[in-house]
Amino acid sequence: MSTLATLPTSPATTKPPPRFLDLDERVPAALRKALEEADGCLQMGFTTGGAACARVAVRTIVHMEHADASDYATSLLALSDKHPAVPPALFQIVGMLGGGDEPLSSEALRALIAAVKAIVYEIYVLGAERVERLMYVHELVETLKREK
């Protein structure tokens, strides 16, 4: 279970943590590993290592999605263009916190990991579910066509 998912909720709410914080099995193994390591570093207070792991996860997404470009910002823009269903604010957060190699505070690292996990969830989980829904409806329509 994700470190972020096990953080205590605020006293004003008793809602469970969002689903995207727990990495789904549909997330590619290399991404899961980098994000799990980032979570582990955050939990142990190793913010430099956690930031490095989160940044590896971002580079892995960019590479896997064939959005490599000449620089970090352009790669994120290409990734955003390729996945318009992902909220642009997530890419902006990752661009702001994930660029460079400077250390991050634990709060900034927590935000970076959450933003990367949200992007991963949008691309690899919700994207797959969208395809499943579309295929299901398509099959129903095809059945209707055959019946006529």
C-alpha atoms as a PDB file:
ATOM      1  CA  MET A   1       0.000   0.000   0.000  1.00  0.00           C
ATOM      2  CA  SER A   2       1.164   3.491  -0.817  1.00  0.00           C
ATOM      3  CA  THR A   3       2.655   5.722   1.857  1.00  0.00           C
ATOM      4  CA  LEU A   4       0.432   8.493   0.596  1.00  0.00           C
ATOM      5  CA  ALA A   5      -2.601   6.240   0.878  1.00  0.00           C
ATOM      6  CA  THR A   6      -1.803   5.468   4.511  1.00  0.00           C
ATOM      7  CA  LEU A   7      -1.394   9.067   5.610  1.00  0.00           C
ATOM      8  CA  PRO A   8      -3.916  10.080   8.225  1.00  0.00           C
ATOM      9  CA  THR A   9      -6.901  11.949   6.935  1.00  0.00           C
ATOM     10  CA  SER A  10      -7.596  15.379   8.297  1.00  0.00           C
ATOM     11  CA  PRO A  11      -9.818  15.563  11.375  1.00  0.00           C
ATOM     12  CA  ALA A  12     -12.517  17.264   9.289  1.00  0.00           C
ATOM     13  CA  THR A  13     -12.919  14.245   7.024  1.00  0.00           C
ATOM     14  CA  THR A  14     -12.999  10.493   7.361  1.00  0.00           C
ATOM     15  CA  LYS A  15     -12.975   9.769   3.636  1.00  0.00           C
ATOM     16  CA  PRO A  16     -10.626   7.028   2.483  1.00  0.00           C
ATOM     17  CA  PRO A  17      -7.654   8.136   0.373  1.00  0.00           C
ATOM     18  CA  PRO A  18      -8.258   8.450  -3.370  1.00  0.00           C
ATOM     19  CA  ARG A  19      -7.950   5.259  -5.432  1.00  0.00           C
ATOM     20  CA  PHE A  20      -5.196   6.610  -7.627  1.00  0.00           C
ATOM     21  CA  LEU A  21      -2.725   6.613  -4.731  1.00  0.00           C
ATOM     22  CA  ASP A  22      -2.700   2.804  -4.684  1.00  0.00           C
ATOM     23  CA  LEU A  23      -0.966   1.631  -7.839  1.00  0.00           C
ATOM     24  CA  ASP A  24      -3.172  -0.587  -9.978  1.00  0.00           C
ATOM     25  CA  GLU A  25      -1.849  -3.799 -11.519  1.00  0.00           C
ATOM     26  CA  ARG A  26      -2.348  -2.255 -14.973  1.00  0.00           C
ATOM     27  CA  VAL A  27       0.427   0.244 -14.238  1.00  0.00           C
ATOM     28  CA  PRO A  28       3.610  -0.984 -15.946  1.00  0.00           C
ATOM     29  CA  ALA A  29       6.039  -2.677 -13.561  1.00  0.00           C
ATOM     30  CA  ALA A  30       8.866  -0.178 -14.108  1.00  0.00           C
ATOM     31  CA  LEU A  31       6.586   2.684 -13.098  1.00  0.00           C
ATOM     32  CA  ARG A  32       5.191   0.819 -10.110  1.00  0.00           C
ATOM     33  CA  LYS A  33       8.712   0.092  -8.895  1.00  0.00           C
ATOM     34  CA  ALA A  34       9.903   3.704  -9.210  1.00  0.00           C
ATOM     35  CA  LEU A  35       6.802   5.059  -7.473  1.00  0.00           C
ATOM     36  CA  GLU A  36       6.926   2.445  -4.712  1.00  0.00           C
ATOM     37  CA  GLU A  37      10.565   3.379  -4.105  1.00  0.00           C
ATOM     38  CA  ALA A  38       9.620   7.071  -4.034  1.00  0.00           C
ATOM     39  CA  ASP A  39       6.907   6.269  -1.462  1.00  0.00           C
ATOM     40  CA  GLY A  40       9.359   4.260   0.626  1.00  0.00           C
ATOM     41  CA  CYS A  41      11.907   7.063   0.600  1.00  0.00           C
ATOM     42  CA  LEU A  42       9.229   9.565   1.604  1.00  0.00           C
ATOM     43  CA  GLN A  43       8.126   7.331   4.463  1.00  0.00           C
ATOM     44  CA  MET A  44      11.703   7.062   5.742  1.00  0.00           C
ATOM     45  CA  GLY A  45      12.375  10.778   5.301  1.00  0.00           C
ATOM     46  CA  PHE A  46      14.819  10.321   2.424  1.00  0.00           C
ATOM     47  CA  THR A  47      13.481  13.194   0.354  1.00  0.00           C
ATOM     48  CA  THR A  48      16.471  13.367  -2.006  1.00  0.00           C
ATOM     49  CA  GLY A  49      16.104   9.683  -2.907  1.00  0.00           C
ATOM     50  CA  GLY A  50      12.334   9.988  -3.104  1.00  0.00           C
ATOM     51  CA  ALA A  51      12.584  12.943  -5.472  1.00  0.00           C
ATOM     52  CA  ALA A  52      15.068  11.037  -7.628  1.00  0.00           C
ATOM     53  CA  CYS A  53      12.713   8.027  -7.810  1.00  0.00           C
ATOM     54  CA  ALA A  54       9.715  10.225  -8.643  1.00  0.00           C
ATOM     55  CA  ARG A  55      11.741  11.908 -11.383  1.00  0.00           C
ATOM     56  CA  VAL A  56      12.743   8.487 -12.737  1.00  0.00           C
ATOM     57  CA  ALA A  57       9.037   7.632 -12.877  1.00  0.00           C
ATOM     58  CA  VAL A  58       8.345  10.789 -14.901  1.00  0.00           C
ATOM     59  CA  ARG A  59      11.166  10.012 -17.335  1.00  0.00           C
ATOM     60  CA  THR A  60       9.860   6.444 -17.621  1.00  0.00           C
ATOM     61  CA  ILE A  61       6.350   7.647 -18.501  1.00  0.00           C
ATOM     62  CA  VAL A  62       7.734  10.073 -21.077  1.00  0.00           C
ATOM     63  CA  HIS A  63       9.840   7.316 -22.656  1.00  0.00           C
ATOM     64  CA  MET A  64       7.097   4.657 -22.583  1.00  0.00           C
ATOM     65  CA  GLU A  65       4.623   7.071 -24.137  1.00  0.00           C
ATOM     66  CA  HIS A  66       7.104   8.143 -26.850  1.00  0.00           C
ATOM     67  CA  ALA A  67       6.982  11.763 -25.712  1.00  0.00           C
ATOM     68  CA  ASP A  68      10.759  12.236 -25.486  1.00  0.00           C
ATOM     69  CA  ALA A  69      11.803  15.730 -26.496  1.00  0.00           C
ATOM     70  CA  SER A  70      14.838  17.997 -26.277  1.00  0.00           C
ATOM     71  CA  ASP A  71      14.049  19.136 -22.732  1.00  0.00           C
ATOM     72  CA  TYR A  72      11.897  18.263 -19.730  1.00  0.00           C
ATOM     73  CA  ALA A  73       9.211  20.922 -20.280  1.00  0.00           C
ATOM     74  CA  THR A  74       8.808  20.004 -23.945  1.00  0.00           C
ATOM     75  CA  SER A  75       8.554  16.313 -23.047  1.00  0.00           C
ATOM     76  CA  LEU A  76       5.783  17.066 -20.550  1.00  0.00           C
ATOM     77  CA  LEU A  77       3.993  19.178 -23.156  1.00  0.00           C
ATOM     78  CA  ALA A  78       4.236  16.321 -25.669  1.00  0.00           C
ATOM     79  CA  LEU A  79       2.894  13.913 -23.052  1.00  0.00           C
ATOM     80  CA  SER A  80       0.050  16.303 -22.260  1.00  0.00           C
ATOM     81  CA  ASP A  81      -0.773  16.635 -25.962  1.00  0.00           C
ATOM     82  CA  LYS A  82      -0.781  12.869 -26.345  1.00  0.00           C
ATOM     83  CA  HIS A  83      -3.152  12.443 -23.373  1.00  0.00           C
ATOM     84  CA  PRO A  84      -5.632  15.331 -23.490  1.00  0.00           C
ATOM     85  CA  ALA A  85      -7.913  13.616 -20.948  1.00  0.00           C
ATOM     86  CA  VAL A  86      -5.265  14.120 -18.247  1.00  0.00           C
ATOM     87  CA  PRO A  87      -5.804  17.462 -16.496  1.00  0.00           C
ATOM     88  CA  PRO A  88      -3.107  19.936 -17.610  1.00  0.00           C
ATOM     89  CA  ALA A  89      -2.664  21.071 -13.990  1.00  0.00           C
ATOM     90  CA  LEU A  90      -1.068  17.695 -13.204  1.00  0.00           C
ATOM     91  CA  PHE A  91       1.602  18.246 -15.855  1.00  0.00           C
ATOM     92  CA  GLN A  92       2.166  21.768 -14.545  1.00  0.00           C
ATOM     93  CA  ILE A  93       2.722  20.435 -11.016  1.00  0.00           C
ATOM     94  CA  VAL A  94       5.122  17.775 -12.280  1.00  0.00           C
ATOM     95  CA  GLY A  95       6.922  20.387 -14.356  1.00  0.00           C
ATOM     96  CA  MET A  96       7.258  22.707 -11.386  1.00  0.00           C
ATOM     97  CA  LEU A  97       8.349  20.089  -8.829  1.00  0.00           C
ATOM     98  CA  GLY A  98       9.943  17.409 -10.995  1.00  0.00           C
ATOM     99  CA  GLY A  99      12.299  19.422 -13.136  1.00  0.00           C
ATOM    100  CA  GLY A 100      15.917  19.757 -12.160  1.00  0.00           C
ATOM    101  CA  ASP A 101      17.654  17.840  -9.414  1.00  0.00           C
ATOM    102  CA  GLU A 102      17.253  20.136  -6.431  1.00  0.00           C
ATOM    103  CA  PRO A 103      16.083  18.637  -3.139  1.00  0.00           C
ATOM    104  CA  LEU A 104      12.403  18.824  -2.265  1.00  0.00           C
ATOM    105  CA  SER A 105      10.741  19.242   1.095  1.00  0.00           C
ATOM    106  CA  SER A 106       8.670  16.288   2.247  1.00  0.00           C
ATOM    107  CA  GLU A 107       5.469  18.214   1.422  1.00  0.00           C
ATOM    108  CA  ALA A 108       6.699  19.016  -2.092  1.00  0.00           C
ATOM    109  CA  LEU A 109       7.768  15.397  -2.589  1.00  0.00           C
ATOM    110  CA  ARG A 110       4.351  14.182  -1.403  1.00  0.00           C
ATOM    111  CA  ALA A 111       2.720  16.524  -3.959  1.00  0.00           C
ATOM    112  CA  LEU A 112       5.065  15.382  -6.748  1.00  0.00           C
ATOM    113  CA  ILE A 113       4.409  11.698  -6.063  1.00  0.00           C
ATOM    114  CA  ALA A 114       0.646  12.291  -5.913  1.00  0.00           C
ATOM    115  CA  ALA A 115       0.692  14.219  -9.207  1.00  0.00           C
ATOM    116  CA  VAL A 116       2.738  11.513 -10.937  1.00  0.00           C
ATOM    117  CA  LYS A 117       0.416   8.814  -9.588  1.00  0.00           C
ATOM    118  CA  ALA A 118      -2.591  10.784 -10.810  1.00  0.00           C
ATOM    119  CA  ILE A 119      -1.088  10.986 -14.299  1.00  0.00           C
ATOM    120  CA  VAL A 120      -0.239   7.281 -14.238  1.00  0.00           C
ATOM    121  CA  TYR A 121      -3.796   6.472 -13.111  1.00  0.00           C
ATOM    122  CA  GLU A 122      -5.300   8.598 -15.881  1.00  0.00           C
ATOM    123  CA  ILE A 123      -3.137   7.035 -18.584  1.00  0.00           C
ATOM    124  CA  TYR A 124      -2.884   3.376 -17.567  1.00  0.00           C
ATOM    125  CA  VAL A 125      -6.049   2.738 -15.560  1.00  0.00           C
ATOM    126  CA  LEU A 126      -8.757   5.137 -16.700  1.00  0.00           C
ATOM    127  CA  GLY A 127      -7.488   4.987 -20.275  1.00  0.00           C
ATOM    128  CA  ALA A 128      -7.796   1.202 -20.267  1.00  0.00           C
ATOM    129  CA  GLU A 129     -11.258   1.435 -18.722  1.00  0.00           C
ATOM    130  CA  ARG A 130     -12.350   3.904 -21.425  1.00  0.00           C
ATOM    131  CA  VAL A 131     -11.268   1.432 -24.092  1.00  0.00           C
ATOM    132  CA  GLU A 132     -13.149  -1.400 -22.324  1.00  0.00           C
ATOM    133  CA  ARG A 133     -16.348   0.677 -22.175  1.00  0.00           C
ATOM    134  CA  LEU A 134     -16.070   1.689 -25.796  1.00  0.00           C
ATOM    135  CA  MET A 135     -15.474  -1.897 -26.929  1.00  0.00           C
ATOM    136  CA  TYR A 136     -18.460  -3.127 -24.916  1.00  0.00           C
ATOM    137  CA  VAL A 137     -20.794  -0.549 -26.446  1.00  0.00           C
ATOM    138  CA  HIS A 138     -19.347  -1.238 -29.896  1.00  0.00           C
ATOM    139  CA  GLU A 139     -20.083  -4.954 -29.515  1.00  0.00           C
ATOM    140  CA  LEU A 140     -23.660  -4.171 -28.486  1.00  0.00           C
ATOM    141  CA  VAL A 141     -24.128  -1.988 -31.552  1.00  0.00           C
ATOM    142  CA  GLU A 142     -22.629  -4.676 -33.785  1.00  0.00           C
ATOM    143  CA  THR A 143     -25.104  -7.183 -32.329  1.00  0.00           C
ATOM    144  CA  LEU A 144     -27.936  -4.803 -33.190  1.00  0.00           C
ATOM    145  CA  LYS A 145     -26.682  -4.506 -36.770  1.00  0.00           C
ATOM    146  CA  ARG A 146     -26.577  -8.307 -37.164  1.00  0.00           C
ATOM    147  CA  GLU A 147     -30.136  -8.650 -35.857  1.00  0.00           C
ATOM    148  CA  LYS A 148     -31.534  -6.333 -38.550  1.00  0.00           C
END
